[in-house]
Amino acid sequence: MSSVAVIRVDSSEQIGSGHLMRCLTLAEQMRKKNAEVHFISRDLIGSLHRMVTEHGFSLHLLPRHEMQANLTGYAAWLTVLQTMDAEETATILRQIPPVDRLVVDSYALDIVWEQQMRSLVREIFVIDDLANRQHDCDILLDQNFYREMQYRYDGLVPPKCKLLLGPPHALLREEFYAARAHLRKRDGRLRRILVFYGGSDATCETEKAIHALLQLHLPSVDVDVVVGGSNPQRTYIENLCASHGFLHYHCQVSHMAQLMANADLGLGAGGTTSWERCFLGLPTIVTAIAENQFEVCRDCAEAGLIHYLGKWDEVTAADLMRAVSKYMNPKLLKDFQQTCSIHM
């Protein structure tokens, strides 16, 4: 008899695509174990919820609302109070066969929302990165690398909650395991660069990186530029790439693992793609594009996993030029290639 799982997750221009993508990975894993998987997502501006049905899962849309003026920070991601979100979600849950597992991946939801779900499901599985609020959950996954990560959720989850902490629990699509099985040995020579700053890139890091690379004049280097379908600047970026033969434009790709495996150096953001890059041993120059990435980027840099430049509003094209120039030295790039991998 198959189990029933429901995943509550959103994507938008503001949120990006990372939460949805990792939930799709988890959904695929649960489907392989014969689970019937449903998604509940709000119809937000720039949402990529169509990907849910494209992957063959059931989608239940929460209605779009005007942003409530009193919502700030992550709470604004929902556009409504979490109590209203809980009521709307509960209405859908009652229409689905008895739910064995409810997965929730949203920085805007916490113990208040989860307690309203408790009587409607058998198990609550929270995916989090922040460790900044209380949860009423049975399982919590935080796939990020932190110093002393084992203490991050002390006092924030019930005593019996099962904690899945660190990159060994990272949600990676099957394509990454296949790519790693045939991964070439990088030799320190810089032939190909991958540029990817997340699905929406709200801080316009992609354009900054392209302008830095154009100023470096790299005649023997090809550059793959990847943007998400929710990137509002994607047409401009596509046209910019078309004007330069060494820039190769990709939008909403399904072969990210191959692009990472082909690259010798990456330019990107912190966040969920960090563990994909580390899994495939791709050394990356990283800009933090959100406040929740600051700590994990610093800790990863100290461990030699990334070259961290700083936060988005402090990193300039000149900073990127200097960092890329450094790794045009084969010895320095090879050293970086040997320290950026992490066992998962």
C-alpha atoms as a PDB file:
ATOM      1  CA  MET A   1       0.000   0.000   0.000  1.00  0.00           C
ATOM      2  CA  SER A   2       1.456   3.386  -1.027  1.00  0.00           C
ATOM      3  CA  SER A   3       1.908   6.238   1.414  1.00  0.00           C
ATOM      4  CA  VAL A   4       0.677   9.792   0.832  1.00  0.00           C
ATOM      5  CA  ALA A   5       3.030  12.771   1.107  1.00  0.00           C
ATOM      6  CA  VAL A   6       2.237  16.462   0.743  1.00  0.00           C
ATOM      7  CA  ILE A   7       4.895  19.122   0.185  1.00  0.00           C
ATOM      8  CA  ARG A   8       4.203  22.769   1.066  1.00  0.00           C
ATOM      9  CA  VAL A   9       6.707  24.932  -0.828  1.00  0.00           C
ATOM     10  CA  ASP A  10       6.732  28.159  -2.841  1.00  0.00           C
ATOM     11  CA  SER A  11       8.825  29.775  -5.558  1.00  0.00           C
ATOM     12  CA  SER A  12       8.734  33.349  -6.860  1.00  0.00           C
ATOM     13  CA  GLU A  13      10.903  36.205  -8.080  1.00  0.00           C
ATOM     14  CA  GLN A  14      11.575  37.042  -4.433  1.00  0.00           C
ATOM     15  CA  ILE A  15      12.025  33.495  -3.104  1.00  0.00           C
ATOM     16  CA  GLY A  16      13.840  32.048  -6.100  1.00  0.00           C
ATOM     17  CA  SER A  17      13.690  28.437  -7.251  1.00  0.00           C
ATOM     18  CA  GLY A  18      15.966  26.655  -4.768  1.00  0.00           C
ATOM     19  CA  HIS A  19      13.270  25.564  -2.322  1.00  0.00           C
ATOM     20  CA  LEU A  20      11.093  24.143  -5.087  1.00  0.00           C
ATOM     21  CA  MET A  21      13.982  22.371  -6.810  1.00  0.00           C
ATOM     22  CA  ARG A  22      15.132  20.562  -3.693  1.00  0.00           C
ATOM     23  CA  CYS A  23      11.547  19.592  -2.880  1.00  0.00           C
ATOM     24  CA  LEU A  24      11.163  18.146  -6.376  1.00  0.00           C
ATOM     25  CA  THR A  25      14.279  16.079  -5.682  1.00  0.00           C
ATOM     26  CA  LEU A  26      12.778  14.821  -2.422  1.00  0.00           C
ATOM     27  CA  ALA A  27       9.480  14.110  -4.192  1.00  0.00           C
ATOM     28  CA  GLU A  28      11.261  11.988  -6.795  1.00  0.00           C
ATOM     29  CA  GLN A  29      12.948  10.018  -4.009  1.00  0.00           C
ATOM     30  CA  MET A  30       9.615   9.429  -2.254  1.00  0.00           C
ATOM     31  CA  ARG A  31       7.921   8.428  -5.524  1.00  0.00           C
ATOM     32  CA  LYS A  32      10.559   5.739  -6.033  1.00  0.00           C
ATOM     33  CA  LYS A  33       9.373   4.314  -2.719  1.00  0.00           C
ATOM     34  CA  ASN A  34       5.796   4.220  -4.094  1.00  0.00           C
ATOM     35  CA  ALA A  35       4.594   7.342  -2.304  1.00  0.00           C
ATOM     36  CA  GLU A  36       1.754   9.385  -3.786  1.00  0.00           C
ATOM     37  CA  VAL A  37       3.120  12.943  -3.714  1.00  0.00           C
ATOM     38  CA  HIS A  38       1.109  16.179  -3.779  1.00  0.00           C
ATOM     39  CA  PHE A  39       2.429  19.752  -3.810  1.00  0.00           C
ATOM     40  CA  ILE A  40       0.715  22.769  -2.256  1.00  0.00           C
ATOM     41  CA  SER A  41       2.102  26.078  -3.577  1.00  0.00           C
ATOM     42  CA  ARG A  42       0.873  29.650  -3.611  1.00  0.00           C
ATOM     43  CA  ASP A  43       0.331  31.387  -6.941  1.00  0.00           C
ATOM     44  CA  LEU A  44       3.034  34.028  -6.522  1.00  0.00           C
ATOM     45  CA  ILE A  45       4.559  36.387  -9.088  1.00  0.00           C
ATOM     46  CA  GLY A  46       7.334  34.544 -10.912  1.00  0.00           C
ATOM     47  CA  SER A  47       6.308  31.158  -9.529  1.00  0.00           C
ATOM     48  CA  LEU A  48       7.668  28.043 -11.231  1.00  0.00           C
ATOM     49  CA  HIS A  49       4.887  25.788  -9.951  1.00  0.00           C
ATOM     50  CA  ARG A  50       4.316  24.483 -13.489  1.00  0.00           C
ATOM     51  CA  MET A  51       7.432  22.369 -12.930  1.00  0.00           C
ATOM     52  CA  VAL A  52       5.472  20.303 -10.409  1.00  0.00           C
ATOM     53  CA  THR A  53       3.040  19.025 -13.023  1.00  0.00           C
ATOM     54  CA  GLU A  54       5.824  18.739 -15.597  1.00  0.00           C
ATOM     55  CA  HIS A  55       7.448  16.247 -13.224  1.00  0.00           C
ATOM     56  CA  GLY A  56       4.183  14.326 -12.936  1.00  0.00           C
ATOM     57  CA  PHE A  57       3.094  15.370  -9.437  1.00  0.00           C
ATOM     58  CA  SER A  58      -0.294  16.662  -8.300  1.00  0.00           C
ATOM     59  CA  LEU A  59      -0.398  20.413  -7.720  1.00  0.00           C
ATOM     60  CA  HIS A  60      -2.830  22.288  -5.474  1.00  0.00           C
ATOM     61  CA  LEU A  61      -2.572  26.059  -5.827  1.00  0.00           C
ATOM     62  CA  LEU A  62      -3.250  28.477  -2.998  1.00  0.00           C
ATOM     63  CA  PRO A  63      -4.809  31.735  -4.246  1.00  0.00           C
ATOM     64  CA  ARG A  64      -2.828  34.883  -4.957  1.00  0.00           C
ATOM     65  CA  HIS A  65      -3.412  37.728  -2.479  1.00  0.00           C
ATOM     66  CA  GLU A  66      -2.347  41.338  -2.335  1.00  0.00           C
ATOM     67  CA  MET A  67       0.654  41.699  -0.048  1.00  0.00           C
ATOM     68  CA  GLN A  68      -0.450  42.495   3.507  1.00  0.00           C
ATOM     69  CA  ALA A  69       1.228  45.719   4.555  1.00  0.00           C
ATOM     70  CA  ASN A  70       2.237  44.513   8.026  1.00  0.00           C
ATOM     71  CA  LEU A  71       4.362  41.624   6.720  1.00  0.00           C
ATOM     72  CA  THR A  72       8.144  42.079   6.715  1.00  0.00           C
ATOM     73  CA  GLY A  73      11.216  39.901   6.191  1.00  0.00           C
ATOM     74  CA  TYR A  74      10.586  36.248   5.392  1.00  0.00           C
ATOM     75  CA  ALA A  75       6.955  36.581   6.514  1.00  0.00           C
ATOM     76  CA  ALA A  76       6.360  38.668   3.391  1.00  0.00           C
ATOM     77  CA  TRP A  77       7.180  35.635   1.236  1.00  0.00           C
ATOM     78  CA  LEU A  78       3.723  34.222   1.960  1.00  0.00           C
ATOM     79  CA  THR A  79       1.931  37.530   1.209  1.00  0.00           C
ATOM     80  CA  VAL A  80      -0.549  36.502   3.951  1.00  0.00           C
ATOM     81  CA  LEU A  81      -0.354  35.743   7.662  1.00  0.00           C
ATOM     82  CA  GLN A  82       0.828  32.196   8.309  1.00  0.00           C
ATOM     83  CA  THR A  83      -2.414  31.516  10.172  1.00  0.00           C
ATOM     84  CA  MET A  84      -4.340  32.221   6.948  1.00  0.00           C
ATOM     85  CA  ASP A  85      -1.896  30.105   4.995  1.00  0.00           C
ATOM     86  CA  ALA A  86      -2.487  27.296   7.488  1.00  0.00           C
ATOM     87  CA  GLU A  87      -6.260  27.548   7.076  1.00  0.00           C
ATOM     88  CA  GLU A  88      -6.009  27.441   3.277  1.00  0.00           C
ATOM     89  CA  THR A  89      -3.536  24.554   3.414  1.00  0.00           C
ATOM     90  CA  ALA A  90      -5.730  22.626   5.866  1.00  0.00           C
ATOM     91  CA  THR A  91      -8.695  22.916   3.501  1.00  0.00           C
ATOM     92  CA  ILE A  92      -6.670  21.180   0.791  1.00  0.00           C
ATOM     93  CA  LEU A  93      -5.278  18.530   3.163  1.00  0.00           C
ATOM     94  CA  ARG A  94      -8.809  17.492   4.110  1.00  0.00           C
ATOM     95  CA  GLN A  95      -9.526  16.795   0.426  1.00  0.00           C
ATOM     96  CA  ILE A  96      -6.522  14.463   0.059  1.00  0.00           C
ATOM     97  CA  PRO A  97      -6.451  10.857   1.335  1.00  0.00           C
ATOM     98  CA  PRO A  98      -5.000  10.549   4.859  1.00  0.00           C
ATOM     99  CA  VAL A  99      -1.584  12.208   4.747  1.00  0.00           C
ATOM    100  CA  ASP A 100       1.332  10.200   6.113  1.00  0.00           C
ATOM    101  CA  ARG A 101       3.984  12.895   5.711  1.00  0.00           C
ATOM    102  CA  LEU A 102       3.723  16.671   5.410  1.00  0.00           C
ATOM    103  CA  VAL A 103       6.933  18.303   4.171  1.00  0.00           C
ATOM    104  CA  VAL A 104       7.259  22.057   4.664  1.00  0.00           C
ATOM    105  CA  ASP A 105      10.045  24.142   3.153  1.00  0.00           C
ATOM    106  CA  SER A 106       9.480  27.835   3.888  1.00  0.00           C
ATOM    107  CA  TYR A 107      11.346  30.359   5.993  1.00  0.00           C
ATOM    108  CA  ALA A 108       7.991  32.063   6.626  1.00  0.00           C
ATOM    109  CA  LEU A 109       6.433  29.102   8.468  1.00  0.00           C
ATOM    110  CA  ASP A 110       7.130  27.908  11.993  1.00  0.00           C
ATOM    111  CA  ILE A 111       5.606  26.169  15.005  1.00  0.00           C
ATOM    112  CA  VAL A 112       2.412  28.242  14.780  1.00  0.00           C
ATOM    113  CA  TRP A 113       1.636  26.904  11.286  1.00  0.00           C
ATOM    114  CA  GLU A 114       2.850  23.385  12.055  1.00  0.00           C
ATOM    115  CA  GLN A 115       0.666  23.023  15.134  1.00  0.00           C
ATOM    116  CA  GLN A 116      -2.392  23.803  13.002  1.00  0.00           C
ATOM    117  CA  MET A 117      -1.364  20.917  10.724  1.00  0.00           C
ATOM    118  CA  ARG A 118      -0.585  18.429  13.475  1.00  0.00           C
ATOM    119  CA  SER A 119      -4.027  16.772  13.697  1.00  0.00           C
ATOM    120  CA  LEU A 120      -4.294  16.423   9.908  1.00  0.00           C
ATOM    121  CA  VAL A 121      -1.099  14.439   9.227  1.00  0.00           C
ATOM    122  CA  ARG A 122       0.873  11.606  10.769  1.00  0.00           C
ATOM    123  CA  GLU A 123       4.331  13.130  10.415  1.00  0.00           C
ATOM    124  CA  ILE A 124       5.767  16.606   9.846  1.00  0.00           C
ATOM    125  CA  PHE A 125       9.098  16.927   8.018  1.00  0.00           C
ATOM    126  CA  VAL A 126      10.681  20.400   8.029  1.00  0.00           C
ATOM    127  CA  ILE A 127      13.417  21.523   5.640  1.00  0.00           C
ATOM    128  CA  ASP A 128      15.270  24.528   7.045  1.00  0.00           C
ATOM    129  CA  ASP A 129      18.529  26.450   6.709  1.00  0.00           C
ATOM    130  CA  LEU A 130      18.145  29.184   9.317  1.00  0.00           C
ATOM    131  CA  ALA A 131      17.778  27.661  12.805  1.00  0.00           C
ATOM    132  CA  ASN A 132      16.071  30.888  13.869  1.00  0.00           C
ATOM    133  CA  ARG A 133      12.600  29.762  15.001  1.00  0.00           C
ATOM    134  CA  GLN A 134      10.778  26.948  16.762  1.00  0.00           C
ATOM    135  CA  HIS A 135       9.267  23.969  14.964  1.00  0.00           C
ATOM    136  CA  ASP A 136       6.758  21.267  15.858  1.00  0.00           C
ATOM    137  CA  CYS A 137       8.152  18.512  13.646  1.00  0.00           C
ATOM    138  CA  ASP A 138       9.156  14.858  13.690  1.00  0.00           C
ATOM    139  CA  ILE A 139      12.071  15.214  11.261  1.00  0.00           C
ATOM    140  CA  LEU A 140      14.185  18.264  10.405  1.00  0.00           C
ATOM    141  CA  LEU A 141      16.647  18.477   7.522  1.00  0.00           C
ATOM    142  CA  ASP A 142      19.317  21.174   7.295  1.00  0.00           C
ATOM    143  CA  GLN A 143      21.785  20.182   4.588  1.00  0.00           C
ATOM    144  CA  ASN A 144      24.178  23.085   5.116  1.00  0.00           C
ATOM    145  CA  PHE A 145      27.776  23.064   6.323  1.00  0.00           C
ATOM    146  CA  TYR A 146      28.256  24.867   9.635  1.00  0.00           C
ATOM    147  CA  ARG A 147      30.779  24.656  12.408  1.00  0.00           C
ATOM    148  CA  GLU A 148      29.182  22.905  15.388  1.00  0.00           C
ATOM    149  CA  MET A 149      26.079  22.182  13.310  1.00  0.00           C
ATOM    150  CA  GLN A 150      24.992  19.527  15.820  1.00  0.00           C
ATOM    151  CA  TYR A 151      23.952  22.268  18.270  1.00  0.00           C
ATOM    152  CA  ARG A 152      22.102  24.576  15.858  1.00  0.00           C
ATOM    153  CA  TYR A 153      18.610  23.332  16.681  1.00  0.00           C
ATOM    154  CA  ASP A 154      18.961  22.900  20.424  1.00  0.00           C
ATOM    155  CA  GLY A 155      15.738  24.165  21.992  1.00  0.00           C
ATOM    156  CA  LEU A 156      14.085  24.753  18.602  1.00  0.00           C
ATOM    157  CA  VAL A 157      12.626  21.286  17.955  1.00  0.00           C
ATOM    158  CA  PRO A 158      10.923  18.629  20.133  1.00  0.00           C
ATOM    159  CA  PRO A 159      13.287  16.264  22.011  1.00  0.00           C
ATOM    160  CA  LYS A 160      12.237  13.293  19.858  1.00  0.00           C
ATOM    161  CA  CYS A 161      12.748  15.105  16.555  1.00  0.00           C
ATOM    162  CA  LYS A 162      15.122  13.297  14.191  1.00  0.00           C
ATOM    163  CA  LEU A 163      17.789  15.703  12.923  1.00  0.00           C
ATOM    164  CA  LEU A 164      19.371  15.265   9.505  1.00  0.00           C
ATOM    165  CA  LEU A 165      22.226  17.775   9.513  1.00  0.00           C
ATOM    166  CA  GLY A 166      24.966  18.648   7.061  1.00  0.00           C
ATOM    167  CA  PRO A 167      25.888  17.995   3.403  1.00  0.00           C
ATOM    168  CA  PRO A 168      25.743  14.175   3.778  1.00  0.00           C
ATOM    169  CA  HIS A 169      21.964  14.670   3.769  1.00  0.00           C
ATOM    170  CA  ALA A 170      21.903  17.057   0.807  1.00  0.00           C
ATOM    171  CA  LEU A 171      19.032  16.586  -1.628  1.00  0.00           C
ATOM    172  CA  LEU A 172      20.776  15.840  -4.907  1.00  0.00           C
ATOM    173  CA  ARG A 173      19.069  14.817  -8.141  1.00  0.00           C
ATOM    174  CA  GLU A 174      20.028  11.527  -9.789  1.00  0.00           C
ATOM    175  CA  GLU A 175      21.872  13.396 -12.545  1.00  0.00           C
ATOM    176  CA  PHE A 176      24.521  14.457 -10.018  1.00  0.00           C
ATOM    177  CA  TYR A 177      25.263  10.886  -8.954  1.00  0.00           C
ATOM    178  CA  ALA A 178      25.520   9.874 -12.613  1.00  0.00           C
ATOM    179  CA  ALA A 179      27.849  12.798 -13.357  1.00  0.00           C
ATOM    180  CA  ARG A 180      30.066  12.022 -10.378  1.00  0.00           C
ATOM    181  CA  ALA A 181      30.432   8.402 -11.472  1.00  0.00           C
ATOM    182  CA  HIS A 182      32.064   9.591 -14.708  1.00  0.00           C
ATOM    183  CA  LEU A 183      33.752  12.730 -13.399  1.00  0.00           C
ATOM    184  CA  ARG A 184      36.983  13.689 -15.140  1.00  0.00           C
ATOM    185  CA  LYS A 185      40.077  14.624 -13.156  1.00  0.00           C
ATOM    186  CA  ARG A 186      40.585  18.381 -13.322  1.00  0.00           C
ATOM    187  CA  ASP A 187      44.192  19.362 -13.988  1.00  0.00           C
ATOM    188  CA  GLY A 188      44.301  23.037 -13.012  1.00  0.00           C
ATOM    189  CA  ARG A 189      43.924  24.432 -16.519  1.00  0.00           C
ATOM    190  CA  LEU A 190      41.098  26.942 -16.947  1.00  0.00           C
ATOM    191  CA  ARG A 191      39.148  26.054 -20.073  1.00  0.00           C
ATOM    192  CA  ARG A 192      35.516  26.493 -19.037  1.00  0.00           C
ATOM    193  CA  ILE A 193      33.686  28.640 -16.461  1.00  0.00           C
ATOM    194  CA  LEU A 194      30.130  28.151 -15.215  1.00  0.00           C
ATOM    195  CA  VAL A 195      28.126  31.230 -14.147  1.00  0.00           C
ATOM    196  CA  PHE A 196      24.945  30.559 -12.160  1.00  0.00           C
ATOM    197  CA  TYR A 197      23.483  32.741  -9.394  1.00  0.00           C
ATOM    198  CA  GLY A 198      20.191  30.974  -8.770  1.00  0.00           C
ATOM    199  CA  GLY A 199      16.822  30.865 -10.431  1.00  0.00           C
ATOM    200  CA  SER A 200      15.785  34.488 -10.064  1.00  0.00           C
ATOM    201  CA  ASP A 201      19.072  36.327  -9.295  1.00  0.00           C
ATOM    202  CA  ALA A 202      17.273  39.279  -7.737  1.00  0.00           C
ATOM    203  CA  THR A 203      20.539  41.139  -7.129  1.00  0.00           C
ATOM    204  CA  CYS A 204      21.707  40.907 -10.779  1.00  0.00           C
ATOM    205  CA  GLU A 205      24.961  39.070 -10.081  1.00  0.00           C
ATOM    206  CA  THR A 206      24.894  37.360 -13.486  1.00  0.00           C
ATOM    207  CA  GLU A 207      25.312  40.624 -15.381  1.00  0.00           C
ATOM    208  CA  LYS A 208      28.069  41.680 -12.970  1.00  0.00           C
ATOM    209  CA  ALA A 209      29.936  38.439 -13.623  1.00  0.00           C
ATOM    210  CA  ILE A 210      29.550  38.708 -17.402  1.00  0.00           C
ATOM    211  CA  HIS A 211      30.922  42.265 -17.440  1.00  0.00           C
ATOM    212  CA  ALA A 212      33.880  41.136 -15.314  1.00  0.00           C
ATOM    213  CA  LEU A 213      34.656  38.282 -17.704  1.00  0.00           C
ATOM    214  CA  LEU A 214      34.345  40.548 -20.742  1.00  0.00           C
ATOM    215  CA  GLN A 215      36.944  42.877 -19.263  1.00  0.00           C
ATOM    216  CA  LEU A 216      39.357  40.000 -18.619  1.00  0.00           C
ATOM    217  CA  HIS A 217      39.551  39.028 -22.306  1.00  0.00           C
ATOM    218  CA  LEU A 218      39.799  35.240 -21.993  1.00  0.00           C
ATOM    219  CA  PRO A 219      40.374  34.046 -25.584  1.00  0.00           C
ATOM    220  CA  SER A 220      40.759  30.345 -24.784  1.00  0.00           C
ATOM    221  CA  VAL A 221      37.989  30.047 -22.158  1.00  0.00           C
ATOM    222  CA  ASP A 222      34.328  29.192 -22.799  1.00  0.00           C
ATOM    223  CA  VAL A 223      31.682  30.386 -20.354  1.00  0.00           C
ATOM    224  CA  ASP A 224      28.312  28.740 -19.700  1.00  0.00           C
ATOM    225  CA  VAL A 225      25.829  31.320 -18.379  1.00  0.00           C
ATOM    226  CA  VAL A 226      22.779  29.763 -16.731  1.00  0.00           C
ATOM    227  CA  VAL A 227      19.656  31.656 -15.661  1.00  0.00           C
ATOM    228  CA  GLY A 228      16.346  30.488 -14.262  1.00  0.00           C
ATOM    229  CA  GLY A 229      12.959  30.942 -15.856  1.00  0.00           C
ATOM    230  CA  SER A 230      12.047  33.453 -13.147  1.00  0.00           C
ATOM    231  CA  ASN A 231      15.039  35.727 -13.830  1.00  0.00           C
ATOM    232  CA  PRO A 232      13.515  39.060 -14.936  1.00  0.00           C
ATOM    233  CA  GLN A 233      16.718  39.975 -16.818  1.00  0.00           C
ATOM    234  CA  ARG A 234      16.945  36.758 -18.824  1.00  0.00           C
ATOM    235  CA  THR A 235      16.231  38.388 -22.219  1.00  0.00           C
ATOM    236  CA  TYR A 236      18.910  41.034 -21.650  1.00  0.00           C
ATOM    237  CA  ILE A 237      21.388  38.348 -20.575  1.00  0.00           C
ATOM    238  CA  GLU A 238      20.543  36.199 -23.600  1.00  0.00           C
ATOM    239  CA  ASN A 239      21.188  39.130 -25.938  1.00  0.00           C
ATOM    240  CA  LEU A 240      24.425  39.975 -24.153  1.00  0.00           C
ATOM    241  CA  CYS A 241      25.663  36.401 -24.531  1.00  0.00           C
ATOM    242  CA  ALA A 242      24.669  36.329 -28.206  1.00  0.00           C
ATOM    243  CA  SER A 243      27.019  39.248 -28.822  1.00  0.00           C
ATOM    244  CA  HIS A 244      30.066  37.289 -27.656  1.00  0.00           C
ATOM    245  CA  GLY A 245      30.958  33.897 -29.058  1.00  0.00           C
ATOM    246  CA  PHE A 246      32.565  32.510 -25.904  1.00  0.00           C
ATOM    247  CA  LEU A 247      29.427  33.128 -23.788  1.00  0.00           C
ATOM    248  CA  HIS A 248      26.908  30.268 -24.018  1.00  0.00           C
ATOM    249  CA  TYR A 249      23.412  31.072 -22.733  1.00  0.00           C
ATOM    250  CA  HIS A 250      21.213  28.471 -20.977  1.00  0.00           C
ATOM    251  CA  CYS A 251      17.775  29.002 -19.402  1.00  0.00           C
ATOM    252  CA  GLN A 252      16.034  26.706 -16.885  1.00  0.00           C
ATOM    253  CA  VAL A 253      18.282  23.763 -17.667  1.00  0.00           C
ATOM    254  CA  SER A 254      17.739  20.092 -16.914  1.00  0.00           C
ATOM    255  CA  HIS A 255      21.434  19.184 -17.297  1.00  0.00           C
ATOM    256  CA  MET A 256      23.038  21.299 -14.571  1.00  0.00           C
ATOM    257  CA  ALA A 257      25.162  18.382 -13.363  1.00  0.00           C
ATOM    258  CA  GLN A 258      26.791  18.044 -16.766  1.00  0.00           C
ATOM    259  CA  LEU A 259      27.466  21.786 -16.947  1.00  0.00           C
ATOM    260  CA  MET A 260      29.128  21.629 -13.523  1.00  0.00           C
ATOM    261  CA  ALA A 261      31.147  18.568 -14.472  1.00  0.00           C
ATOM    262  CA  ASN A 262      32.357  20.271 -17.654  1.00  0.00           C
ATOM    263  CA  ALA A 263      33.493  23.419 -15.828  1.00  0.00           C
ATOM    264  CA  ASP A 264      36.891  24.097 -14.280  1.00  0.00           C
ATOM    265  CA  LEU A 265      35.718  27.082 -12.214  1.00  0.00           C
ATOM    266  CA  GLY A 266      32.345  28.410 -11.107  1.00  0.00           C
ATOM    267  CA  LEU A 267      30.951  31.853 -10.318  1.00  0.00           C
ATOM    268  CA  GLY A 268      27.832  31.590  -8.198  1.00  0.00           C
ATOM    269  CA  ALA A 269      25.811  32.209  -5.087  1.00  0.00           C
ATOM    270  CA  GLY A 270      25.617  30.440  -1.768  1.00  0.00           C
ATOM    271  CA  GLY A 271      22.528  28.315  -1.224  1.00  0.00           C
ATOM    272  CA  THR A 272      21.324  24.937  -2.406  1.00  0.00           C
ATOM    273  CA  THR A 273      23.626  24.720  -5.440  1.00  0.00           C
ATOM    274  CA  SER A 274      26.641  24.885  -3.120  1.00  0.00           C
ATOM    275  CA  TRP A 275      26.339  21.199  -2.288  1.00  0.00           C
ATOM    276  CA  GLU A 276      25.852  20.237  -5.936  1.00  0.00           C
ATOM    277  CA  ARG A 277      29.103  22.031  -6.783  1.00  0.00           C
ATOM    278  CA  CYS A 278      30.967  20.499  -3.846  1.00  0.00           C
ATOM    279  CA  PHE A 279      29.656  17.032  -4.753  1.00  0.00           C
ATOM    280  CA  LEU A 280      31.126  17.406  -8.232  1.00  0.00           C
ATOM    281  CA  GLY A 281      34.314  19.089  -7.016  1.00  0.00           C
ATOM    282  CA  LEU A 282      33.730  22.377  -8.829  1.00  0.00           C
ATOM    283  CA  PRO A 283      35.762  25.193  -7.228  1.00  0.00           C
ATOM    284  CA  THR A 284      33.573  28.283  -7.067  1.00  0.00           C
ATOM    285  CA  ILE A 285      33.953  31.998  -6.423  1.00  0.00           C
ATOM    286  CA  VAL A 286      30.897  32.783  -4.315  1.00  0.00           C
ATOM    287  CA  THR A 287      28.828  35.877  -3.608  1.00  0.00           C
ATOM    288  CA  ALA A 288      26.212  35.723  -0.857  1.00  0.00           C
ATOM    289  CA  ILE A 289      22.942  36.921  -2.376  1.00  0.00           C
ATOM    290  CA  ALA A 290      20.816  36.668   0.775  1.00  0.00           C
ATOM    291  CA  GLU A 291      21.385  37.263   4.482  1.00  0.00           C
ATOM    292  CA  ASN A 292      20.829  33.595   5.340  1.00  0.00           C
ATOM    293  CA  GLN A 293      23.898  32.724   3.228  1.00  0.00           C
ATOM    294  CA  PHE A 294      26.408  34.833   5.198  1.00  0.00           C
ATOM    295  CA  GLU A 295      27.256  32.348   7.950  1.00  0.00           C
ATOM    296  CA  VAL A 296      27.373  29.233   5.784  1.00  0.00           C
ATOM    297  CA  CYS A 297      29.559  31.012   3.214  1.00  0.00           C
ATOM    298  CA  ARG A 298      32.009  32.120   5.900  1.00  0.00           C
ATOM    299  CA  ASP A 299      32.196  28.616   7.376  1.00  0.00           C
ATOM    300  CA  CYS A 300      32.644  27.027   3.947  1.00  0.00           C
ATOM    301  CA  ALA A 301      35.394  29.501   3.088  1.00  0.00           C
ATOM    302  CA  GLU A 302      37.251  28.706   6.312  1.00  0.00           C
ATOM    303  CA  ALA A 303      37.065  25.014   5.399  1.00  0.00           C
ATOM    304  CA  GLY A 304      38.505  25.724   1.934  1.00  0.00           C
ATOM    305  CA  LEU A 305      35.322  24.686   0.136  1.00  0.00           C
ATOM    306  CA  ILE A 306      34.712  28.014  -1.634  1.00  0.00           C
ATOM    307  CA  HIS A 307      36.390  31.326  -2.444  1.00  0.00           C
ATOM    308  CA  TYR A 308      34.050  33.771  -0.719  1.00  0.00           C
ATOM    309  CA  LEU A 309      33.966  37.379  -1.906  1.00  0.00           C
ATOM    310  CA  GLY A 310      31.257  38.741   0.415  1.00  0.00           C
ATOM    311  CA  LYS A 311      27.686  39.998   0.163  1.00  0.00           C
ATOM    312  CA  TRP A 312      26.047  41.105  -3.063  1.00  0.00           C
ATOM    313  CA  ASP A 313      26.103  44.854  -2.416  1.00  0.00           C
ATOM    314  CA  GLU A 314      29.819  44.816  -1.574  1.00  0.00           C
ATOM    315  CA  VAL A 315      31.132  42.645  -4.423  1.00  0.00           C
ATOM    316  CA  THR A 316      32.121  44.522  -7.577  1.00  0.00           C
ATOM    317  CA  ALA A 317      33.031  43.435 -11.096  1.00  0.00           C
ATOM    318  CA  ALA A 318      36.618  44.342 -10.211  1.00  0.00           C
ATOM    319  CA  ASP A 319      36.513  41.900  -7.265  1.00  0.00           C
ATOM    320  CA  LEU A 320      35.349  39.162  -9.614  1.00  0.00           C
ATOM    321  CA  MET A 321      38.078  40.021 -12.122  1.00  0.00           C
ATOM    322  CA  ARG A 322      40.781  39.729  -9.464  1.00  0.00           C
ATOM    323  CA  ALA A 323      39.421  36.412  -8.203  1.00  0.00           C
ATOM    324  CA  VAL A 324      39.156  34.861 -11.668  1.00  0.00           C
ATOM    325  CA  SER A 325      42.626  36.159 -12.579  1.00  0.00           C
ATOM    326  CA  LYS A 326      44.023  34.378  -9.532  1.00  0.00           C
ATOM    327  CA  TYR A 327      42.778  31.035 -10.783  1.00  0.00           C
ATOM    328  CA  MET A 328      44.247  31.499 -14.230  1.00  0.00           C
ATOM    329  CA  ASN A 329      47.364  30.236 -12.427  1.00  0.00           C
ATOM    330  CA  PRO A 330      47.170  26.413 -12.936  1.00  0.00           C
ATOM    331  CA  LYS A 331      48.799  25.599  -9.591  1.00  0.00           C
ATOM    332  CA  LEU A 332      46.415  27.787  -7.597  1.00  0.00           C
ATOM    333  CA  LEU A 333      43.384  26.450  -9.475  1.00  0.00           C
ATOM    334  CA  LYS A 334      44.484  22.841  -9.018  1.00  0.00           C
ATOM    335  CA  ASP A 335      44.997  23.421  -5.291  1.00  0.00           C
ATOM    336  CA  PHE A 336      41.471  24.877  -5.097  1.00  0.00           C
ATOM    337  CA  GLN A 337      40.086  21.945  -7.099  1.00  0.00           C
ATOM    338  CA  GLN A 338      41.541  19.576  -4.511  1.00  0.00           C
ATOM    339  CA  THR A 339      40.020  21.303  -1.456  1.00  0.00           C
ATOM    340  CA  CYS A 340      36.516  22.159  -2.697  1.00  0.00           C
ATOM    341  CA  SER A 341      35.068  18.641  -2.654  1.00  0.00           C
ATOM    342  CA  ILE A 342      33.045  17.317   0.264  1.00  0.00           C
ATOM    343  CA  HIS A 343      32.101  13.734   1.043  1.00  0.00           C
ATOM    344  CA  MET A 344      28.351  13.034   0.885  1.00  0.00           C
END
